[in-house]
Amino acid sequence: MDYDIKLEKVPLYCDNTRAINLTKNPIQHSKTEHIEIKHHFIRDHIQKDEIEIKFMKTENQLEDLFTKPLARDRFNKLRTKLGVLDIKNVC
């Protein structure tokens, strides 16, 4: 709201299809009985239609810039998608 952006649903991007399927299926499976509370929180909001979970390929995950060591070409590709310029191109 601070940026005048109004969303019907908050988009959440994930590269794990199993995790996406777990959020869509409200049935408790034996392998999911020890899921942390934060995951139940997200699943509840998805069922309330407040969050929309979408698949995104691993190579397009922008947060990898901040969380993983990356090869130079992948780093440069993600940096460009984020809108950060190379210092060489600024001058």
PDB file of N, CA and C in Angstrom:
ATOM      1  N   MET A   1       0.823  -1.191   0.000  1.00  0.00           N
ATOM      2  CA  MET A   1       0.000   0.000   0.000  1.00  0.00           C
ATOM      3  C   MET A   1       0.869   1.257   0.000  1.00  0.00           C
ATOM      4  N   ASP A   2       2.041   1.188   0.651  1.00  0.00           N
ATOM      5  CA  ASP A   2       2.934   2.341   0.687  1.00  0.00           C
ATOM      6  C   ASP A   2       3.413   2.729  -0.713  1.00  0.00           C
ATOM      7  N   TYR A   3       3.465   1.761  -1.608  1.00  0.00           N
ATOM      8  CA  TYR A   3       3.949   2.006  -2.966  1.00  0.00           C
ATOM      9  C   TYR A   3       2.820   2.058  -3.983  1.00  0.00           C
ATOM     10  N   ASP A   4       1.595   2.189  -3.515  1.00  0.00           N
ATOM     11  CA  ASP A   4       0.409   2.204  -4.376  1.00  0.00           C
ATOM     12  C   ASP A   4       0.298   0.948  -5.234  1.00  0.00           C
ATOM     13  N   ILE A   5       0.671  -0.182  -4.686  1.00  0.00           N
ATOM     14  CA  ILE A   5       0.522  -1.469  -5.362  1.00  0.00           C
ATOM     15  C   ILE A   5      -0.544  -2.245  -4.608  1.00  0.00           C
ATOM     16  N   LYS A   6      -1.578  -2.611  -5.308  1.00  0.00           N
ATOM     17  CA  LYS A   6      -2.671  -3.354  -4.685  1.00  0.00           C
ATOM     18  C   LYS A   6      -2.725  -4.745  -5.300  1.00  0.00           C
ATOM     19  N   LEU A   7      -2.612  -5.749  -4.457  1.00  0.00           N
ATOM     20  CA  LEU A   7      -2.631  -7.134  -4.895  1.00  0.00           C
ATOM     21  C   LEU A   7      -3.840  -7.843  -4.314  1.00  0.00           C
ATOM     22  N   GLU A   8      -4.505  -8.597  -5.150  1.00  0.00           N
ATOM     23  CA  GLU A   8      -5.591  -9.438  -4.641  1.00  0.00           C
ATOM     24  C   GLU A   8      -5.010 -10.567  -3.795  1.00  0.00           C
ATOM     25  N   LYS A   9      -3.896 -11.128  -4.301  1.00  0.00           N
ATOM     26  CA  LYS A   9      -3.209 -12.207  -3.600  1.00  0.00           C
ATOM     27  C   LYS A   9      -1.722 -11.881  -3.587  1.00  0.00           C
ATOM     28  N   VAL A  10      -1.052 -12.257  -2.520  1.00  0.00           N
ATOM     29  CA  VAL A  10       0.391 -12.067  -2.437  1.00  0.00           C
ATOM     30  C   VAL A  10       1.053 -13.216  -3.196  1.00  0.00           C
ATOM     31  N   PRO A  11       1.893 -12.908  -4.209  1.00  0.00           N
ATOM     32  CA  PRO A  11       2.563 -13.988  -4.942  1.00  0.00           C
ATOM     33  C   PRO A  11       3.756 -14.519  -4.156  1.00  0.00           C
ATOM     34  N   LEU A  12       3.893 -15.825  -4.122  1.00  0.00           N
ATOM     35  CA  LEU A  12       5.014 -16.485  -3.473  1.00  0.00           C
ATOM     36  C   LEU A  12       5.604 -17.449  -4.487  1.00  0.00           C
ATOM     37  N   TYR A  13       6.871 -17.254  -4.836  1.00  0.00           N
ATOM     38  CA  TYR A  13       7.508 -18.067  -5.867  1.00  0.00           C
ATOM     39  C   TYR A  13       8.352 -19.159  -5.225  1.00  0.00           C
ATOM     40  N   CYS A  14       8.234 -20.370  -5.771  1.00  0.00           N
ATOM     41  CA  CYS A  14       8.909 -21.529  -5.199  1.00  0.00           C
ATOM     42  C   CYS A  14       9.419 -22.411  -6.325  1.00  0.00           C
ATOM     43  N   ASP A  15      10.573 -23.047  -6.124  1.00  0.00           N
ATOM     44  CA  ASP A  15      11.119 -23.943  -7.139  1.00  0.00           C
ATOM     45  C   ASP A  15      10.962 -25.414  -6.756  1.00  0.00           C
ATOM     46  N   ASN A  16      10.208 -25.707  -5.727  1.00  0.00           N
ATOM     47  CA  ASN A  16      10.019 -27.065  -5.242  1.00  0.00           C
ATOM     48  C   ASN A  16       8.573 -27.484  -5.473  1.00  0.00           C
ATOM     49  N   THR A  17       8.352 -28.339  -6.459  1.00  0.00           N
ATOM     50  CA  THR A  17       6.980 -28.745  -6.790  1.00  0.00           C
ATOM     51  C   THR A  17       6.340 -29.554  -5.663  1.00  0.00           C
ATOM     52  N   ARG A  18       7.129 -30.315  -4.933  1.00  0.00           N
ATOM     53  CA  ARG A  18       6.568 -31.080  -3.801  1.00  0.00           C
ATOM     54  C   ARG A  18       6.029 -30.128  -2.737  1.00  0.00           C
ATOM     55  N   ALA A  19       6.765 -29.085  -2.436  1.00  0.00           N
ATOM     56  CA  ALA A  19       6.304 -28.103  -1.452  1.00  0.00           C
ATOM     57  C   ALA A  19       5.038 -27.405  -1.942  1.00  0.00           C
ATOM     58  N   ILE A  20       4.979 -27.096  -3.230  1.00  0.00           N
ATOM     59  CA  ILE A  20       3.782 -26.458  -3.798  1.00  0.00           C
ATOM     60  C   ILE A  20       2.584 -27.382  -3.656  1.00  0.00           C
ATOM     61  N   ASN A  21       2.766 -28.664  -3.965  1.00  0.00           N
ATOM     62  CA  ASN A  21       1.669 -29.628  -3.854  1.00  0.00           C
ATOM     63  C   ASN A  21       1.203 -29.804  -2.414  1.00  0.00           C
ATOM     64  N   LEU A  22       2.124 -29.747  -1.464  1.00  0.00           N
ATOM     65  CA  LEU A  22       1.735 -29.856  -0.057  1.00  0.00           C
ATOM     66  C   LEU A  22       0.867 -28.681   0.381  1.00  0.00           C
ATOM     67  N   THR A  23       1.118 -27.502  -0.164  1.00  0.00           N
ATOM     68  CA  THR A  23       0.313 -26.346   0.219  1.00  0.00           C
ATOM     69  C   THR A  23      -1.091 -26.425  -0.353  1.00  0.00           C
ATOM     70  N   LYS A  24      -1.242 -27.117  -1.473  1.00  0.00           N
ATOM     71  CA  LYS A  24      -2.551 -27.217  -2.125  1.00  0.00           C
ATOM     72  C   LYS A  24      -3.408 -28.333  -1.556  1.00  0.00           C
ATOM     73  N   ASN A  25      -2.791 -29.292  -0.871  1.00  0.00           N
ATOM     74  CA  ASN A  25      -3.517 -30.446  -0.353  1.00  0.00           C
ATOM     75  C   ASN A  25      -3.670 -30.319   1.166  1.00  0.00           C
ATOM     76  N   PRO A  26      -4.880 -30.071   1.641  1.00  0.00           N
ATOM     77  CA  PRO A  26      -5.079 -29.875   3.081  1.00  0.00           C
ATOM     78  C   PRO A  26      -5.005 -31.149   3.919  1.00  0.00           C
ATOM     79  N   ILE A  27      -4.894 -32.309   3.278  1.00  0.00           N
ATOM     80  CA  ILE A  27      -4.849 -33.575   4.012  1.00  0.00           C
ATOM     81  C   ILE A  27      -3.489 -33.721   4.692  1.00  0.00           C
ATOM     82  N   GLN A  28      -3.492 -34.108   5.931  1.00  0.00           N
ATOM     83  CA  GLN A  28      -2.260 -34.312   6.690  1.00  0.00           C
ATOM     84  C   GLN A  28      -1.686 -35.681   6.338  1.00  0.00           C
ATOM     85  N   HIS A  29      -0.495 -35.707   5.795  1.00  0.00           N
ATOM     86  CA  HIS A  29       0.176 -36.959   5.465  1.00  0.00           C
ATOM     87  C   HIS A  29       1.126 -37.335   6.595  1.00  0.00           C
ATOM     88  N   SER A  30       1.454 -38.613   6.680  1.00  0.00           N
ATOM     89  CA  SER A  30       2.335 -39.069   7.758  1.00  0.00           C
ATOM     90  C   SER A  30       3.715 -38.417   7.666  1.00  0.00           C
ATOM     91  N   LYS A  31       4.185 -38.146   6.462  1.00  0.00           N
ATOM     92  CA  LYS A  31       5.509 -37.533   6.309  1.00  0.00           C
ATOM     93  C   LYS A  31       5.493 -36.034   6.597  1.00  0.00           C
ATOM     94  N   THR A  32       4.327 -35.444   6.739  1.00  0.00           N
ATOM     95  CA  THR A  32       4.255 -34.002   6.971  1.00  0.00           C
ATOM     96  C   THR A  32       3.833 -33.651   8.393  1.00  0.00           C
ATOM     97  N   GLU A  33       3.824 -34.614   9.287  1.00  0.00           N
ATOM     98  CA  GLU A  33       3.329 -34.319  10.631  1.00  0.00           C
ATOM     99  C   GLU A  33       4.283 -33.439  11.441  1.00  0.00           C
ATOM    100  N   HIS A  34       5.539 -33.352  11.036  1.00  0.00           N
ATOM    101  CA  HIS A  34       6.500 -32.544  11.788  1.00  0.00           C
ATOM    102  C   HIS A  34       6.888 -31.270  11.054  1.00  0.00           C
ATOM    103  N   ILE A  35       5.997 -30.784  10.205  1.00  0.00           N
ATOM    104  CA  ILE A  35       6.253 -29.535   9.493  1.00  0.00           C
ATOM    105  C   ILE A  35       6.185 -28.382  10.488  1.00  0.00           C
ATOM    106  N   GLU A  36       7.082 -27.427  10.315  1.00  0.00           N
ATOM    107  CA  GLU A  36       7.128 -26.290  11.225  1.00  0.00           C
ATOM    108  C   GLU A  36       5.868 -25.436  11.099  1.00  0.00           C
ATOM    109  N   ILE A  37       5.584 -24.679  12.132  1.00  0.00           N
ATOM    110  CA  ILE A  37       4.382 -23.850  12.198  1.00  0.00           C
ATOM    111  C   ILE A  37       4.319 -22.844  11.062  1.00  0.00           C
ATOM    112  N   LYS A  38       5.482 -22.302  10.637  1.00  0.00           N
ATOM    113  CA  LYS A  38       5.470 -21.303   9.568  1.00  0.00           C
ATOM    114  C   LYS A  38       4.902 -21.871   8.273  1.00  0.00           C
ATOM    115  N   HIS A  39       5.099 -23.177   8.030  1.00  0.00           N
ATOM    116  CA  HIS A  39       4.549 -23.795   6.825  1.00  0.00           C
ATOM    117  C   HIS A  39       3.036 -23.950   6.929  1.00  0.00           C
ATOM    118  N   HIS A  40       2.545 -24.255   8.112  1.00  0.00           N
ATOM    119  CA  HIS A  40       1.097 -24.324   8.315  1.00  0.00           C
ATOM    120  C   HIS A  40       0.477 -22.935   8.150  1.00  0.00           C
ATOM    121  N   PHE A  41       1.178 -21.918   8.590  1.00  0.00           N
ATOM    122  CA  PHE A  41       0.732 -20.540   8.434  1.00  0.00           C
ATOM    123  C   PHE A  41       0.546 -20.209   6.951  1.00  0.00           C
ATOM    124  N   ILE A  42       1.530 -20.562   6.143  1.00  0.00           N
ATOM    125  CA  ILE A  42       1.449 -20.294   4.702  1.00  0.00           C
ATOM    126  C   ILE A  42       0.313 -21.090   4.078  1.00  0.00           C
ATOM    127  N   ARG A  43       0.187 -22.370   4.438  1.00  0.00           N
ATOM    128  CA  ARG A  43      -0.885 -23.193   3.870  1.00  0.00           C
ATOM    129  C   ARG A  43      -2.258 -22.639   4.232  1.00  0.00           C
ATOM    130  N   ASP A  44      -2.414 -22.154   5.456  1.00  0.00           N
ATOM    131  CA  ASP A  44      -3.690 -21.557   5.864  1.00  0.00           C
ATOM    132  C   ASP A  44      -4.018 -20.327   5.018  1.00  0.00           C
ATOM    133  N   HIS A  45      -3.035 -19.500   4.751  1.00  0.00           N
ATOM    134  CA  HIS A  45      -3.273 -18.303   3.936  1.00  0.00           C
ATOM    135  C   HIS A  45      -3.531 -18.639   2.470  1.00  0.00           C
ATOM    136  N   ILE A  46      -2.959 -19.722   1.998  1.00  0.00           N
ATOM    137  CA  ILE A  46      -3.252 -20.169   0.631  1.00  0.00           C
ATOM    138  C   ILE A  46      -4.693 -20.647   0.550  1.00  0.00           C
ATOM    139  N   GLN A  47      -5.142 -21.380   1.556  1.00  0.00           N
ATOM    140  CA  GLN A  47      -6.529 -21.855   1.576  1.00  0.00           C
ATOM    141  C   GLN A  47      -7.512 -20.701   1.723  1.00  0.00           C
ATOM    142  N   LYS A  48      -7.113 -19.628   2.395  1.00  0.00           N
ATOM    143  CA  LYS A  48      -7.968 -18.443   2.514  1.00  0.00           C
ATOM    144  C   LYS A  48      -7.914 -17.581   1.262  1.00  0.00           C
ATOM    145  N   ASP A  49      -7.102 -17.987   0.282  1.00  0.00           N
ATOM    146  CA  ASP A  49      -6.948 -17.296  -0.992  1.00  0.00           C
ATOM    147  C   ASP A  49      -6.292 -15.926  -0.840  1.00  0.00           C
ATOM    148  N   GLU A  50      -5.390 -15.810   0.147  1.00  0.00           N
ATOM    149  CA  GLU A  50      -4.652 -14.568   0.376  1.00  0.00           C
ATOM    150  C   GLU A  50      -3.241 -14.625  -0.214  1.00  0.00           C
ATOM    151  N   ILE A  51      -2.709 -15.843  -0.358  1.00  0.00           N
ATOM    152  CA  ILE A  51      -1.383 -16.058  -0.948  1.00  0.00           C
ATOM    153  C   ILE A  51      -1.551 -16.984  -2.138  1.00  0.00           C
ATOM    154  N   GLU A  52      -0.835 -16.666  -3.205  1.00  0.00           N
ATOM    155  CA  GLU A  52      -0.836 -17.510  -4.396  1.00  0.00           C
ATOM    156  C   GLU A  52       0.586 -18.014  -4.604  1.00  0.00           C
ATOM    157  N   ILE A  53       0.758 -19.323  -4.584  1.00  0.00           N
ATOM    158  CA  ILE A  53       2.085 -19.895  -4.753  1.00  0.00           C
ATOM    159  C   ILE A  53       2.282 -20.262  -6.215  1.00  0.00           C
ATOM    160  N   LYS A  54       3.424 -19.845  -6.769  1.00  0.00           N
ATOM    161  CA  LYS A  54       3.714 -20.068  -8.185  1.00  0.00           C
ATOM    162  C   LYS A  54       5.067 -20.743  -8.327  1.00  0.00           C
ATOM    163  N   PHE A  55       5.172 -21.564  -9.357  1.00  0.00           N
ATOM    164  CA  PHE A  55       6.440 -22.235  -9.638  1.00  0.00           C
ATOM    165  C   PHE A  55       7.373 -21.289 -10.376  1.00  0.00           C
ATOM    166  N   MET A  56       8.642 -21.308  -9.988  1.00  0.00           N
ATOM    167  CA  MET A  56       9.674 -20.549 -10.686  1.00  0.00           C
ATOM    168  C   MET A  56      10.913 -21.436 -10.766  1.00  0.00           C
ATOM    169  N   LYS A  57      11.504 -21.516 -11.938  1.00  0.00           N
ATOM    170  CA  LYS A  57      12.702 -22.340 -12.107  1.00  0.00           C
ATOM    171  C   LYS A  57      13.804 -21.875 -11.170  1.00  0.00           C
ATOM    172  N   THR A  58      14.618 -22.818 -10.735  1.00  0.00           N
ATOM    173  CA  THR A  58      15.700 -22.531  -9.806  1.00  0.00           C
ATOM    174  C   THR A  58      16.651 -21.472 -10.349  1.00  0.00           C
ATOM    175  N   GLU A  59      16.948 -21.535 -11.634  1.00  0.00           N
ATOM    176  CA  GLU A  59      17.916 -20.583 -12.198  1.00  0.00           C
ATOM    177  C   GLU A  59      17.399 -19.147 -12.242  1.00  0.00           C
ATOM    178  N   ASN A  60      16.103 -18.942 -11.997  1.00  0.00           N
ATOM    179  CA  ASN A  60      15.524 -17.600 -12.000  1.00  0.00           C
ATOM    180  C   ASN A  60      15.264 -17.050 -10.601  1.00  0.00           C
ATOM    181  N   GLN A  61      15.649 -17.776  -9.572  1.00  0.00           N
ATOM    182  CA  GLN A  61      15.412 -17.341  -8.195  1.00  0.00           C
ATOM    183  C   GLN A  61      16.389 -16.223  -7.829  1.00  0.00           C
ATOM    184  N   LEU A  62      15.894 -15.004  -7.724  1.00  0.00           N
ATOM    185  CA  LEU A  62      16.747 -13.845  -7.449  1.00  0.00           C
ATOM    186  C   LEU A  62      17.398 -13.882  -6.069  1.00  0.00           C
ATOM    187  N   GLU A  63      16.755 -14.514  -5.108  1.00  0.00           N
ATOM    188  CA  GLU A  63      17.329 -14.523  -3.760  1.00  0.00           C
ATOM    189  C   GLU A  63      18.621 -15.318  -3.683  1.00  0.00           C
ATOM    190  N   ASP A  64      18.905 -16.149  -4.705  1.00  0.00           N
ATOM    191  CA  ASP A  64      20.173 -16.871  -4.728  1.00  0.00           C
ATOM    192  C   ASP A  64      21.363 -15.912  -4.727  1.00  0.00           C
ATOM    193  N   LEU A  65      21.166 -14.698  -5.241  1.00  0.00           N
ATOM    194  CA  LEU A  65      22.228 -13.682  -5.198  1.00  0.00           C
ATOM    195  C   LEU A  65      22.692 -13.427  -3.776  1.00  0.00           C
ATOM    196  N   PHE A  66      21.777 -13.504  -2.831  1.00  0.00           N
ATOM    197  CA  PHE A  66      22.066 -13.148  -1.448  1.00  0.00           C
ATOM    198  C   PHE A  66      22.335 -14.347  -0.545  1.00  0.00           C
ATOM    199  N   THR A  67      22.050 -15.550  -1.047  1.00  0.00           N
ATOM    200  CA  THR A  67      22.120 -16.710  -0.155  1.00  0.00           C
ATOM    201  C   THR A  67      23.091 -17.791  -0.588  1.00  0.00           C
ATOM    202  N   LYS A  68      23.619 -17.718  -1.837  1.00  0.00           N
ATOM    203  CA  LYS A  68      24.463 -18.806  -2.336  1.00  0.00           C
ATOM    204  C   LYS A  68      25.671 -18.252  -3.090  1.00  0.00           C
ATOM    205  N   PRO A  69      26.765 -18.998  -3.045  1.00  0.00           N
ATOM    206  CA  PRO A  69      27.876 -18.630  -3.928  1.00  0.00           C
ATOM    207  C   PRO A  69      27.503 -19.057  -5.356  1.00  0.00           C
ATOM    208  N   LEU A  70      27.667 -18.158  -6.318  1.00  0.00           N
ATOM    209  CA  LEU A  70      27.240 -18.422  -7.686  1.00  0.00           C
ATOM    210  C   LEU A  70      28.404 -18.281  -8.656  1.00  0.00           C
ATOM    211  N   ALA A  71      28.291 -18.986  -9.781  1.00  0.00           N
ATOM    212  CA  ALA A  71      29.247 -18.795 -10.863  1.00  0.00           C
ATOM    213  C   ALA A  71      29.070 -17.376 -11.407  1.00  0.00           C
ATOM    214  N   ARG A  72      30.126 -16.825 -11.962  1.00  0.00           N
ATOM    215  CA  ARG A  72      30.121 -15.435 -12.415  1.00  0.00           C
ATOM    216  C   ARG A  72      29.008 -15.155 -13.422  1.00  0.00           C
ATOM    217  N   ASP A  73      28.806 -16.048 -14.398  1.00  0.00           N
ATOM    218  CA  ASP A  73      27.771 -15.790 -15.417  1.00  0.00           C
ATOM    219  C   ASP A  73      26.367 -15.801 -14.827  1.00  0.00           C
ATOM    220  N   ARG A  74      26.095 -16.721 -13.902  1.00  0.00           N
ATOM    221  CA  ARG A  74      24.766 -16.753 -13.263  1.00  0.00           C
ATOM    222  C   ARG A  74      24.568 -15.533 -12.362  1.00  0.00           C
ATOM    223  N   PHE A  75      25.625 -15.167 -11.643  1.00  0.00           N
ATOM    224  CA  PHE A  75      25.567 -13.978 -10.797  1.00  0.00           C
ATOM    225  C   PHE A  75      25.239 -12.745 -11.639  1.00  0.00           C
ATOM    226  N   ASN A  76      25.929 -12.574 -12.754  1.00  0.00           N
ATOM    227  CA  ASN A  76      25.700 -11.414 -13.620  1.00  0.00           C
ATOM    228  C   ASN A  76      24.297 -11.414 -14.206  1.00  0.00           C
ATOM    229  N   LYS A  77      23.796 -12.585 -14.568  1.00  0.00           N
ATOM    230  CA  LYS A  77      22.443 -12.684 -15.120  1.00  0.00           C
ATOM    231  C   LYS A  77      21.401 -12.268 -14.078  1.00  0.00           C
ATOM    232  N   LEU A  78      21.517 -12.790 -12.865  1.00  0.00           N
ATOM    233  CA  LEU A  78      20.557 -12.454 -11.809  1.00  0.00           C
ATOM    234  C   LEU A  78      20.687 -10.997 -11.385  1.00  0.00           C
ATOM    235  N   ARG A  79      21.919 -10.489 -11.348  1.00  0.00           N
ATOM    236  CA  ARG A  79      22.141  -9.091 -10.987  1.00  0.00           C
ATOM    237  C   ARG A  79      21.444  -8.171 -11.990  1.00  0.00           C
ATOM    238  N   THR A  80      21.529  -8.514 -13.269  1.00  0.00           N
ATOM    239  CA  THR A  80      20.874  -7.728 -14.307  1.00  0.00           C
ATOM    240  C   THR A  80      19.359  -7.760 -14.139  1.00  0.00           C
ATOM    241  N   LYS A  81      18.815  -8.935 -13.832  1.00  0.00           N
ATOM    242  CA  LYS A  81      17.362  -9.049 -13.609  1.00  0.00           C
ATOM    243  C   LYS A  81      16.918  -8.207 -12.419  1.00  0.00           C
ATOM    244  N   LEU A  82      17.782  -8.081 -11.436  1.00  0.00           N
ATOM    245  CA  LEU A  82      17.464  -7.292 -10.256  1.00  0.00           C
ATOM    246  C   LEU A  82      17.582  -5.796 -10.523  1.00  0.00           C
ATOM    247  N   GLY A  83      18.282  -5.447 -11.607  1.00  0.00           N
ATOM    248  CA  GLY A  83      18.425  -4.041 -11.976  1.00  0.00           C
ATOM    249  C   GLY A  83      19.669  -3.381 -11.422  1.00  0.00           C
ATOM    250  N   VAL A  84      20.626  -4.188 -10.963  1.00  0.00           N
ATOM    251  CA  VAL A  84      21.874  -3.657 -10.425  1.00  0.00           C
ATOM    252  C   VAL A  84      22.897  -3.611 -11.551  1.00  0.00           C
ATOM    253  N   LEU A  85      23.505  -2.459 -11.744  1.00  0.00           N
ATOM    254  CA  LEU A  85      24.460  -2.271 -12.829  1.00  0.00           C
ATOM    255  C   LEU A  85      25.870  -2.693 -12.427  1.00  0.00           C
ATOM    256  N   ASP A  86      26.637  -3.076 -13.418  1.00  0.00           N
ATOM    257  CA  ASP A  86      28.047  -3.357 -13.236  1.00  0.00           C
ATOM    258  C   ASP A  86      28.773  -2.024 -13.110  1.00  0.00           C
ATOM    259  N   ILE A  87      29.707  -1.909 -12.200  1.00  0.00           N
ATOM    260  CA  ILE A  87      30.417  -0.653 -11.963  1.00  0.00           C
ATOM    261  C   ILE A  87      31.118  -0.172 -13.239  1.00  0.00           C
ATOM    262  N   LYS A  88      31.521  -1.086 -14.110  1.00  0.00           N
ATOM    263  CA  LYS A  88      32.195  -0.738 -15.353  1.00  0.00           C
ATOM    264  C   LYS A  88      31.264   0.008 -16.302  1.00  0.00           C
ATOM    265  N   ASN A  89      29.963  -0.255 -16.209  1.00  0.00           N
ATOM    266  CA  ASN A  89      28.988   0.361 -17.096  1.00  0.00           C
ATOM    267  C   ASN A  89      28.452   1.689 -16.575  1.00  0.00           C
ATOM    268  N   VAL A  90      28.811   2.069 -15.361  1.00  0.00           N
ATOM    269  CA  VAL A  90      28.280   3.291 -14.758  1.00  0.00           C
ATOM    270  C   VAL A  90      29.002   4.531 -15.271  1.00  0.00           C
ATOM    271  N   CYS A  91      30.286   4.437 -15.485  1.00  0.00           N
ATOM    272  CA  CYS A  91      31.091   5.596 -15.903  1.00  0.00           C
ATOM    273  C   CYS A  91      30.747   6.111 -17.243  1.00  0.00           C
TER     274      CYS A  91
END
